[in-house]
């Protein structure tokens, strides 16, 4: 909090007046991150095919997590790994967000598996006469 107040040139009271507590500040920062550098996740999940979802997610990950103009890695993942025991509510919120993301992506995983399986079968049938 000290680094934040110093960087912004404001005092703690101003932050607490605006957000109430550290959890609310973190939630606001996370929402801003998910609407900015992390927005590729929702955009990818909205695509019609699993292949498009996977490609957009991987490309978005590379662009967002390796950019030289911000810290590397994912804010949501890094935050979950570095939360103290005092931030149990934040950790729970991050875990709930991950679970919700998994539920939505099961459809995509099934479709990817089906596409990969059919491609494998097609390739084997194609090359079978040449063995």
N, C-alpha and C. Protein backbone atom coordinates (compact mmCIF):
# COMPACT_ATOMS: atom_id res chain seq x y z
N UNK A 1 0.83 -1.18 0.00
CA UNK A 1 0.00 0.00 0.00
C UNK A 1 0.88 1.25 0.00
N UNK A 2 2.00 1.17 0.69
CA UNK A 2 2.91 2.32 0.72
C UNK A 2 3.43 2.67 -0.66
N UNK A 3 3.80 1.64 -1.44
CA UNK A 3 4.29 1.88 -2.80
C UNK A 3 3.21 2.51 -3.67
N UNK A 4 2.00 2.06 -3.50
CA UNK A 4 0.88 2.58 -4.28
C UNK A 4 0.62 4.05 -3.95
N UNK A 5 0.52 4.36 -2.67
CA UNK A 5 0.25 5.75 -2.29
C UNK A 5 1.39 6.68 -2.73
N UNK A 6 2.61 6.19 -2.62
CA UNK A 6 3.76 7.01 -3.03
C UNK A 6 3.74 7.23 -4.54
N UNK A 7 3.49 6.17 -5.31
CA UNK A 7 3.46 6.29 -6.77
C UNK A 7 2.35 7.21 -7.24
N UNK A 8 1.22 7.19 -6.54
CA UNK A 8 0.08 8.02 -6.95
C UNK A 8 0.12 9.42 -6.34
N UNK A 9 0.99 9.61 -5.36
CA UNK A 9 1.09 10.91 -4.71
C UNK A 9 -0.12 11.25 -3.86
N UNK A 10 -0.74 10.23 -3.27
CA UNK A 10 -1.90 10.44 -2.41
C UNK A 10 -1.66 9.72 -1.08
N UNK A 11 -2.54 9.94 -0.12
CA UNK A 11 -2.38 9.25 1.15
C UNK A 11 -3.36 8.07 1.27
N UNK A 12 -3.14 7.25 2.27
CA UNK A 12 -3.97 6.05 2.48
C UNK A 12 -5.45 6.40 2.66
N UNK A 13 -5.71 7.46 3.37
CA UNK A 13 -7.10 7.84 3.60
C UNK A 13 -7.86 8.06 2.30
N UNK A 14 -7.18 8.63 1.32
CA UNK A 14 -7.83 8.86 0.02
C UNK A 14 -8.21 7.54 -0.65
N UNK A 15 -7.31 6.58 -0.57
CA UNK A 15 -7.60 5.27 -1.18
C UNK A 15 -8.75 4.59 -0.44
N UNK A 16 -8.68 4.60 0.89
CA UNK A 16 -9.76 3.96 1.66
C UNK A 16 -11.10 4.68 1.48
N UNK A 17 -11.05 5.99 1.29
CA UNK A 17 -12.29 6.73 1.05
C UNK A 17 -12.90 6.34 -0.30
N UNK A 18 -12.05 6.06 -1.27
CA UNK A 18 -12.53 5.70 -2.60
C UNK A 18 -12.96 4.24 -2.70
N UNK A 19 -12.26 3.34 -2.00
CA UNK A 19 -12.52 1.91 -2.18
C UNK A 19 -13.03 1.21 -0.93
N UNK A 20 -12.86 1.77 0.20
CA UNK A 20 -13.34 1.14 1.43
C UNK A 20 -12.30 0.29 2.13
N UNK A 21 -11.72 -0.67 1.40
CA UNK A 21 -10.69 -1.53 2.01
C UNK A 21 -9.80 -2.11 0.90
N UNK A 22 -8.79 -2.86 1.31
CA UNK A 22 -7.83 -3.41 0.35
C UNK A 22 -8.49 -4.42 -0.59
N UNK A 23 -9.42 -5.20 -0.08
CA UNK A 23 -10.10 -6.18 -0.93
C UNK A 23 -10.87 -5.50 -2.04
N UNK A 24 -11.58 -4.44 -1.71
CA UNK A 24 -12.34 -3.72 -2.74
C UNK A 24 -11.40 -3.06 -3.75
N UNK A 25 -10.27 -2.56 -3.28
CA UNK A 25 -9.27 -1.98 -4.17
C UNK A 25 -8.73 -3.05 -5.11
N UNK A 26 -8.41 -4.21 -4.56
CA UNK A 26 -7.90 -5.31 -5.39
C UNK A 26 -8.94 -5.73 -6.42
N UNK A 27 -10.19 -5.87 -5.99
CA UNK A 27 -11.25 -6.28 -6.91
C UNK A 27 -11.40 -5.28 -8.05
N UNK A 28 -11.34 -4.01 -7.74
CA UNK A 28 -11.43 -2.98 -8.78
C UNK A 28 -10.23 -3.07 -9.73
N UNK A 29 -9.05 -3.30 -9.17
CA UNK A 29 -7.85 -3.43 -10.01
C UNK A 29 -7.95 -4.68 -10.89
N UNK A 30 -8.46 -5.78 -10.34
CA UNK A 30 -8.61 -7.01 -11.11
C UNK A 30 -9.63 -6.83 -12.24
N UNK A 31 -10.74 -6.18 -11.94
CA UNK A 31 -11.74 -5.93 -12.98
C UNK A 31 -11.16 -5.07 -14.10
N UNK A 32 -10.36 -4.10 -13.73
CA UNK A 32 -9.72 -3.24 -14.76
C UNK A 32 -8.74 -4.06 -15.59
N UNK A 33 -8.00 -4.93 -14.92
CA UNK A 33 -7.06 -5.80 -15.63
C UNK A 33 -7.81 -6.72 -16.60
N UNK A 34 -8.92 -7.30 -16.14
CA UNK A 34 -9.69 -8.22 -16.98
C UNK A 34 -10.37 -7.51 -18.15
N UNK A 35 -10.61 -6.23 -18.00
CA UNK A 35 -11.18 -5.44 -19.10
C UNK A 35 -10.09 -4.90 -20.02
N UNK A 36 -8.84 -4.91 -19.55
CA UNK A 36 -7.72 -4.41 -20.34
C UNK A 36 -6.85 -5.55 -20.84
N UNK A 37 -5.66 -5.73 -20.26
CA UNK A 37 -4.75 -6.77 -20.75
C UNK A 37 -5.33 -8.18 -20.70
N UNK A 38 -6.22 -8.45 -19.76
CA UNK A 38 -6.80 -9.79 -19.64
C UNK A 38 -8.08 -9.99 -20.43
N UNK A 39 -8.49 -9.00 -21.21
CA UNK A 39 -9.76 -9.08 -21.95
C UNK A 39 -9.75 -10.17 -23.02
N UNK A 40 -8.58 -10.61 -23.42
CA UNK A 40 -8.51 -11.64 -24.45
C UNK A 40 -9.20 -12.93 -24.01
N UNK A 41 -9.28 -13.19 -22.72
CA UNK A 41 -9.88 -14.44 -22.22
C UNK A 41 -11.36 -14.50 -22.60
N UNK A 42 -12.11 -13.47 -22.26
CA UNK A 42 -13.55 -13.47 -22.57
C UNK A 42 -13.78 -13.43 -24.07
N UNK A 43 -12.96 -12.68 -24.79
CA UNK A 43 -13.10 -12.63 -26.24
C UNK A 43 -12.86 -14.01 -26.84
N UNK A 44 -11.84 -14.71 -26.36
CA UNK A 44 -11.54 -16.05 -26.87
C UNK A 44 -12.67 -17.02 -26.56
N UNK A 45 -13.18 -16.97 -25.33
CA UNK A 45 -14.24 -17.91 -24.93
C UNK A 45 -15.53 -17.69 -25.71
N UNK A 46 -15.71 -16.54 -26.29
CA UNK A 46 -16.93 -16.25 -27.05
C UNK A 46 -16.86 -16.75 -28.50
N UNK A 47 -15.70 -17.20 -28.93
CA UNK A 47 -15.56 -17.65 -30.32
C UNK A 47 -16.32 -18.96 -30.53
N UNK A 48 -16.74 -19.23 -31.77
CA UNK A 48 -17.65 -20.35 -32.03
C UNK A 48 -17.04 -21.75 -31.98
N UNK A 49 -15.74 -21.89 -32.28
CA UNK A 49 -15.17 -23.24 -32.27
C UNK A 49 -14.05 -23.34 -31.25
N UNK A 50 -13.82 -24.56 -30.83
CA UNK A 50 -12.77 -24.80 -29.84
C UNK A 50 -11.40 -24.43 -30.39
N UNK A 51 -11.20 -24.70 -31.66
CA UNK A 51 -9.92 -24.36 -32.27
C UNK A 51 -9.69 -22.85 -32.22
N UNK A 52 -10.72 -22.08 -32.55
CA UNK A 52 -10.60 -20.62 -32.50
C UNK A 52 -10.39 -20.14 -31.07
N UNK A 53 -11.08 -20.77 -30.12
CA UNK A 53 -10.92 -20.42 -28.71
C UNK A 53 -9.48 -20.67 -28.28
N UNK A 54 -8.98 -21.86 -28.58
CA UNK A 54 -7.61 -22.21 -28.17
C UNK A 54 -6.59 -21.28 -28.81
N UNK A 55 -6.74 -21.03 -30.10
CA UNK A 55 -5.78 -20.17 -30.79
C UNK A 55 -5.81 -18.75 -30.23
N UNK A 56 -7.01 -18.20 -30.04
CA UNK A 56 -7.12 -16.83 -29.52
C UNK A 56 -6.60 -16.75 -28.09
N UNK A 57 -6.86 -17.80 -27.30
CA UNK A 57 -6.39 -17.79 -25.92
C UNK A 57 -4.86 -17.84 -25.88
N UNK A 58 -4.27 -18.70 -26.68
CA UNK A 58 -2.80 -18.80 -26.68
C UNK A 58 -2.15 -17.53 -27.21
N UNK A 59 -2.68 -17.00 -28.30
CA UNK A 59 -2.12 -15.75 -28.84
C UNK A 59 -2.28 -14.60 -27.85
N UNK A 60 -3.46 -14.52 -27.25
CA UNK A 60 -3.72 -13.48 -26.27
C UNK A 60 -2.81 -13.60 -25.06
N UNK A 61 -2.59 -14.82 -24.61
CA UNK A 61 -1.69 -15.06 -23.48
C UNK A 61 -0.29 -14.58 -23.77
N UNK A 62 0.21 -14.93 -24.93
CA UNK A 62 1.56 -14.52 -25.30
C UNK A 62 1.66 -13.00 -25.34
N UNK A 63 0.69 -12.36 -25.99
CA UNK A 63 0.73 -10.90 -26.09
C UNK A 63 0.60 -10.23 -24.72
N UNK A 64 -0.33 -10.71 -23.90
CA UNK A 64 -0.59 -10.06 -22.62
C UNK A 64 0.51 -10.32 -21.59
N UNK A 65 1.02 -11.54 -21.55
CA UNK A 65 1.92 -11.92 -20.48
C UNK A 65 3.39 -11.67 -20.77
N UNK A 66 3.70 -11.30 -22.00
CA UNK A 66 5.10 -11.05 -22.33
C UNK A 66 5.36 -9.63 -22.78
N UNK A 67 4.37 -8.77 -22.66
CA UNK A 67 4.52 -7.38 -23.08
C UNK A 67 5.59 -6.69 -22.23
N UNK A 68 6.40 -5.88 -22.88
CA UNK A 68 7.47 -5.19 -22.14
C UNK A 68 6.98 -3.96 -21.39
N UNK A 69 5.73 -3.54 -21.62
CA UNK A 69 5.24 -2.33 -20.96
C UNK A 69 4.48 -2.61 -19.66
N UNK A 70 4.47 -3.84 -19.20
CA UNK A 70 3.83 -4.16 -17.92
C UNK A 70 4.49 -5.41 -17.33
N UNK A 71 4.25 -5.69 -16.07
CA UNK A 71 4.85 -6.88 -15.45
C UNK A 71 4.44 -8.16 -16.19
N UNK A 72 5.36 -9.12 -16.26
CA UNK A 72 5.05 -10.36 -16.97
C UNK A 72 4.13 -11.24 -16.14
N UNK A 73 3.40 -12.09 -16.81
CA UNK A 73 2.51 -13.02 -16.14
C UNK A 73 1.09 -12.48 -16.03
N UNK A 74 0.23 -13.32 -15.48
CA UNK A 74 -1.19 -13.00 -15.33
C UNK A 74 -1.47 -12.47 -13.92
N UNK A 75 -2.08 -11.32 -13.84
CA UNK A 75 -2.38 -10.72 -12.54
C UNK A 75 -3.23 -11.64 -11.67
N UNK A 76 -4.23 -12.29 -12.26
CA UNK A 76 -5.12 -13.17 -11.48
C UNK A 76 -4.35 -14.36 -10.93
N UNK A 77 -3.51 -14.97 -11.74
CA UNK A 77 -2.73 -16.13 -11.28
C UNK A 77 -1.69 -15.70 -10.26
N UNK A 78 -0.93 -14.66 -10.57
CA UNK A 78 0.10 -14.21 -9.66
C UNK A 78 -0.48 -13.80 -8.31
N UNK A 79 -1.63 -13.15 -8.33
CA UNK A 79 -2.27 -12.71 -7.09
C UNK A 79 -2.68 -13.90 -6.24
N UNK A 80 -3.22 -14.92 -6.88
CA UNK A 80 -3.64 -16.10 -6.13
C UNK A 80 -2.45 -16.80 -5.48
N UNK A 81 -1.31 -16.76 -6.15
CA UNK A 81 -0.12 -17.42 -5.62
C UNK A 81 0.53 -16.65 -4.48
N UNK A 82 0.34 -15.33 -4.47
CA UNK A 82 1.04 -14.51 -3.47
C UNK A 82 0.15 -13.98 -2.36
N UNK A 83 -1.14 -14.36 -2.36
CA UNK A 83 -2.05 -13.90 -1.31
C UNK A 83 -1.61 -14.41 0.06
N UNK A 84 -1.71 -13.55 1.03
CA UNK A 84 -1.43 -13.99 2.39
C UNK A 84 -2.69 -14.65 2.96
N UNK A 85 -2.56 -15.29 4.10
CA UNK A 85 -3.72 -15.91 4.74
C UNK A 85 -4.78 -14.88 5.11
N UNK A 86 -4.35 -13.65 5.33
CA UNK A 86 -5.29 -12.57 5.68
C UNK A 86 -6.20 -12.21 4.51
N UNK A 87 -5.80 -12.60 3.30
CA UNK A 87 -6.58 -12.26 2.11
C UNK A 87 -7.37 -13.47 1.61
N UNK A 88 -7.93 -14.24 2.53
CA UNK A 88 -8.67 -15.45 2.17
C UNK A 88 -9.85 -15.14 1.25
N UNK A 89 -10.51 -14.02 1.45
CA UNK A 89 -11.66 -13.66 0.61
C UNK A 89 -11.21 -13.40 -0.83
N UNK A 90 -10.06 -12.78 -1.00
CA UNK A 90 -9.52 -12.52 -2.34
C UNK A 90 -9.17 -13.85 -3.00
N UNK A 91 -8.51 -14.72 -2.26
CA UNK A 91 -8.14 -16.03 -2.79
C UNK A 91 -9.38 -16.81 -3.21
N UNK A 92 -10.43 -16.76 -2.40
CA UNK A 92 -11.68 -17.46 -2.72
C UNK A 92 -12.32 -16.89 -3.98
N UNK A 93 -12.30 -15.58 -4.12
CA UNK A 93 -12.85 -14.94 -5.32
C UNK A 93 -12.08 -15.39 -6.56
N UNK A 94 -10.77 -15.41 -6.48
CA UNK A 94 -9.96 -15.83 -7.62
C UNK A 94 -10.22 -17.30 -7.96
N UNK A 95 -10.37 -18.14 -6.93
CA UNK A 95 -10.66 -19.56 -7.16
C UNK A 95 -12.02 -19.72 -7.83
N UNK A 96 -13.02 -18.96 -7.39
CA UNK A 96 -14.36 -19.04 -7.99
C UNK A 96 -14.32 -18.61 -9.44
N UNK A 97 -13.52 -17.61 -9.76
CA UNK A 97 -13.40 -17.17 -11.16
C UNK A 97 -12.76 -18.27 -12.02
N UNK A 98 -11.76 -18.97 -11.48
CA UNK A 98 -11.14 -20.06 -12.23
C UNK A 98 -12.13 -21.19 -12.47
N UNK A 99 -12.91 -21.55 -11.45
CA UNK A 99 -13.90 -22.62 -11.60
C UNK A 99 -14.93 -22.25 -12.66
N UNK A 100 -15.40 -21.02 -12.64
CA UNK A 100 -16.38 -20.57 -13.64
C UNK A 100 -15.78 -20.66 -15.04
N UNK A 101 -14.54 -20.32 -15.18
CA UNK A 101 -13.86 -20.42 -16.48
C UNK A 101 -13.74 -21.85 -16.95
N UNK A 102 -13.49 -22.78 -16.02
CA UNK A 102 -13.39 -24.19 -16.39
C UNK A 102 -14.73 -24.73 -16.86
N UNK A 103 -15.81 -24.36 -16.19
CA UNK A 103 -17.13 -24.86 -16.59
C UNK A 103 -17.45 -24.46 -18.02
N UNK A 104 -17.15 -23.25 -18.36
CA UNK A 104 -17.45 -22.76 -19.70
C UNK A 104 -16.56 -23.43 -20.73
N UNK A 105 -15.34 -23.73 -20.39
CA UNK A 105 -14.42 -24.25 -21.39
C UNK A 105 -14.52 -25.77 -21.58
N UNK A 106 -15.33 -26.48 -20.83
CA UNK A 106 -15.47 -27.92 -21.04
C UNK A 106 -15.98 -28.21 -22.45
N UNK A 107 -16.95 -27.43 -22.91
CA UNK A 107 -17.47 -27.59 -24.28
C UNK A 107 -16.31 -27.49 -25.27
N UNK A 108 -15.45 -26.52 -25.04
CA UNK A 108 -14.34 -26.31 -25.95
C UNK A 108 -13.35 -27.47 -25.91
N UNK A 109 -13.10 -28.01 -24.72
CA UNK A 109 -12.17 -29.13 -24.61
C UNK A 109 -12.71 -30.35 -25.33
N UNK A 110 -14.00 -30.62 -25.20
CA UNK A 110 -14.61 -31.76 -25.89
C UNK A 110 -14.49 -31.58 -27.40
N UNK A 111 -14.77 -30.38 -27.87
CA UNK A 111 -14.68 -30.12 -29.31
C UNK A 111 -13.24 -30.25 -29.81
N UNK A 112 -12.27 -29.75 -29.04
CA UNK A 112 -10.86 -29.88 -29.44
C UNK A 112 -10.45 -31.33 -29.49
N UNK A 113 -10.87 -32.11 -28.50
CA UNK A 113 -10.53 -33.54 -28.46
C UNK A 113 -11.12 -34.24 -29.68
N UNK A 114 -12.36 -33.94 -30.01
CA UNK A 114 -13.02 -34.55 -31.16
C UNK A 114 -12.30 -34.18 -32.45
N UNK A 115 -11.93 -32.93 -32.59
CA UNK A 115 -11.24 -32.48 -33.80
C UNK A 115 -9.87 -33.14 -33.91
N UNK A 116 -9.14 -33.21 -32.81
CA UNK A 116 -7.82 -33.83 -32.83
C UNK A 116 -7.92 -35.31 -33.14
N UNK A 117 -8.92 -35.97 -32.57
CA UNK A 117 -9.11 -37.40 -32.82
C UNK A 117 -9.45 -37.66 -34.28
N UNK A 118 -10.36 -36.87 -34.83
CA UNK A 118 -10.72 -37.07 -36.24
C UNK A 118 -9.54 -36.78 -37.15
N UNK A 119 -8.73 -35.79 -36.81
CA UNK A 119 -7.55 -35.47 -37.61
C UNK A 119 -6.54 -36.62 -37.54
N UNK A 120 -6.36 -37.20 -36.35
CA UNK A 120 -5.45 -38.32 -36.18
C UNK A 120 -5.92 -39.51 -37.01
N UNK A 121 -7.21 -39.81 -36.95
CA UNK A 121 -7.77 -40.93 -37.73
C UNK A 121 -7.60 -40.66 -39.22
N UNK A 122 -7.94 -39.46 -39.65
CA UNK A 122 -7.81 -39.10 -41.07
C UNK A 122 -6.36 -39.24 -41.54
N UNK A 123 -5.41 -38.75 -40.72
CA UNK A 123 -4.00 -38.83 -41.10
C UNK A 123 -3.52 -40.27 -41.16
N UNK A 124 -3.97 -41.09 -40.22
CA UNK A 124 -3.56 -42.50 -40.23
C UNK A 124 -4.14 -43.22 -41.45
N UNK A 125 -5.39 -42.93 -41.77
CA UNK A 125 -6.00 -43.57 -42.93
C UNK A 125 -5.31 -43.12 -44.21
N UNK A 126 -4.95 -41.86 -44.26
CA UNK A 126 -4.27 -41.31 -45.43
C UNK A 126 -2.92 -41.98 -45.64
N UNK A 127 -2.17 -42.19 -44.58
CA UNK A 127 -0.82 -42.74 -44.68
C UNK A 127 -0.77 -44.26 -44.63
N UNK A 128 -1.88 -44.92 -44.28
CA UNK A 128 -1.89 -46.37 -44.14
C UNK A 128 -1.40 -47.11 -45.39
N UNK A 129 -1.80 -46.71 -46.60
CA UNK A 129 -1.35 -47.45 -47.79
C UNK A 129 0.16 -47.36 -48.02
N UNK A 130 0.80 -46.36 -47.42
CA UNK A 130 2.24 -46.15 -47.66
C UNK A 130 3.13 -46.86 -46.65
N UNK A 131 2.55 -47.63 -45.77
CA UNK A 131 3.39 -48.31 -44.77
C UNK A 131 3.92 -49.59 -45.27
